Protein backbone atom coordinates (compact mmCIF):
# COMPACT_ATOMS: atom_id res chain seq x y z
CA MET A 1 114.16 139.21 76.16
CA LEU A 2 113.70 138.08 72.61
CA ALA A 3 115.79 134.59 71.14
CA THR A 4 115.94 134.26 67.49
CA MET A 5 114.91 130.44 66.15
CA THR A 6 116.98 128.82 63.76
CA SER A 7 116.29 126.90 60.63
CA LYS A 8 115.70 123.71 62.56
CA GLY A 9 113.09 125.62 64.63
CA GLN A 10 115.18 125.47 67.59
CA ILE A 11 115.38 128.64 69.98
CA THR A 12 117.86 129.05 72.83
CA ILE A 13 116.34 129.98 76.07
CA PRO A 14 117.90 133.08 77.17
CA LYS A 15 119.95 132.78 80.56
CA PRO A 16 117.78 135.20 82.56
CA ALA A 17 114.87 132.94 82.00
CA ARG A 18 116.41 129.67 82.48
CA ASP A 19 117.74 130.95 86.05
CA ALA A 20 114.28 132.05 86.64
CA LEU A 21 113.16 128.30 85.85
CA GLN A 22 115.87 126.97 87.32
CA LEU A 23 116.54 125.06 84.20
CA HIS A 24 119.36 122.60 83.54
CA PRO A 25 120.77 120.76 80.59
CA GLY A 26 117.80 117.47 79.93
CA ASP A 27 115.10 119.38 81.77
CA ARG A 28 111.89 119.11 79.81
CA VAL A 29 109.53 122.35 79.60
CA GLU A 30 106.17 122.96 78.75
CA PHE A 31 104.65 125.41 76.14
CA VAL A 32 101.23 126.56 77.55
CA PHE A 33 98.40 128.69 75.64
CA GLY A 34 96.62 131.26 77.49
CA ASP A 35 92.97 132.31 76.89
CA ASP A 36 94.63 135.77 75.98
CA GLY A 37 96.58 134.26 73.59
CA ARG A 38 99.96 134.48 75.44
CA LEU A 39 102.30 131.66 75.50
CA PHE A 40 103.82 130.27 79.11
CA LEU A 41 106.87 128.32 79.18
CA LEU A 42 106.81 126.30 82.17
CA SER A 43 109.19 124.23 83.83
CA ALA A 44 108.06 120.63 83.72
CA THR A 45 110.31 119.19 86.42
CA ARG A 46 108.95 122.04 88.80
CA PRO A 47 106.36 121.15 91.75
CA LEU A 48 102.50 122.28 90.85
CA GLY A 49 102.64 124.75 93.59
CA SER A 50 105.53 126.64 92.20
CA LEU A 51 102.56 127.57 89.46
CA LYS A 52 100.25 129.26 91.67
CA GLY A 53 99.81 132.88 91.09
CA MET A 54 100.71 132.55 87.72
CA LEU A 55 97.38 133.34 85.94
CA PRO A 56 94.85 135.99 87.05
CA LYS A 57 92.13 135.39 89.60
CA PRO A 58 88.46 135.09 87.68
CA ALA A 59 86.44 138.33 87.90
CA HIS A 60 84.17 136.57 89.99
CA PRO A 61 83.92 133.11 91.74
CA VAL A 62 83.57 129.95 89.41
CA SER A 63 81.47 127.02 90.11
CA LEU A 64 82.66 123.45 89.40
CA GLU A 65 80.02 123.23 86.99
CA GLU A 66 81.07 126.54 84.82
CA MET A 67 84.75 125.26 85.08
CA ASP A 68 83.44 121.70 83.59
CA ALA A 69 80.91 123.66 80.79
CA ALA A 70 83.91 125.67 79.85
CA ILE A 71 86.15 121.96 79.81
CA ALA A 72 83.63 120.53 77.55
CA ALA A 73 83.45 123.47 75.28
CA SER A 74 87.42 123.71 74.46
CA GLY A 75 87.62 120.14 73.50
CA ARG A 76 89.83 118.77 76.12
CA PRO A 77 89.40 115.59 77.97
C-alpha cells in the first residue's frame, strides 16, 4: 500500500490498514523502528498481547544479561 504525505507532513492511513489495526477516529498510533530499519505502525489502543509474533524470534536464546546489554548499548532507559 502506498500513501502520499501532504505539505503539512500528514498521511492518510489506507482503509485496509485501518481495518487491520481496528483504528477509529481519535485513536492513537505508535511508530516503532525495527532493528532492520523497517517501520511498524501500531495501534496504541490495542492490548499488548496483540503484538505477539510481530517480530521474528532471535536465532538463538537470549539471556536477560544480553537483553540488558543490548538496551544499555541502544542508549534507551
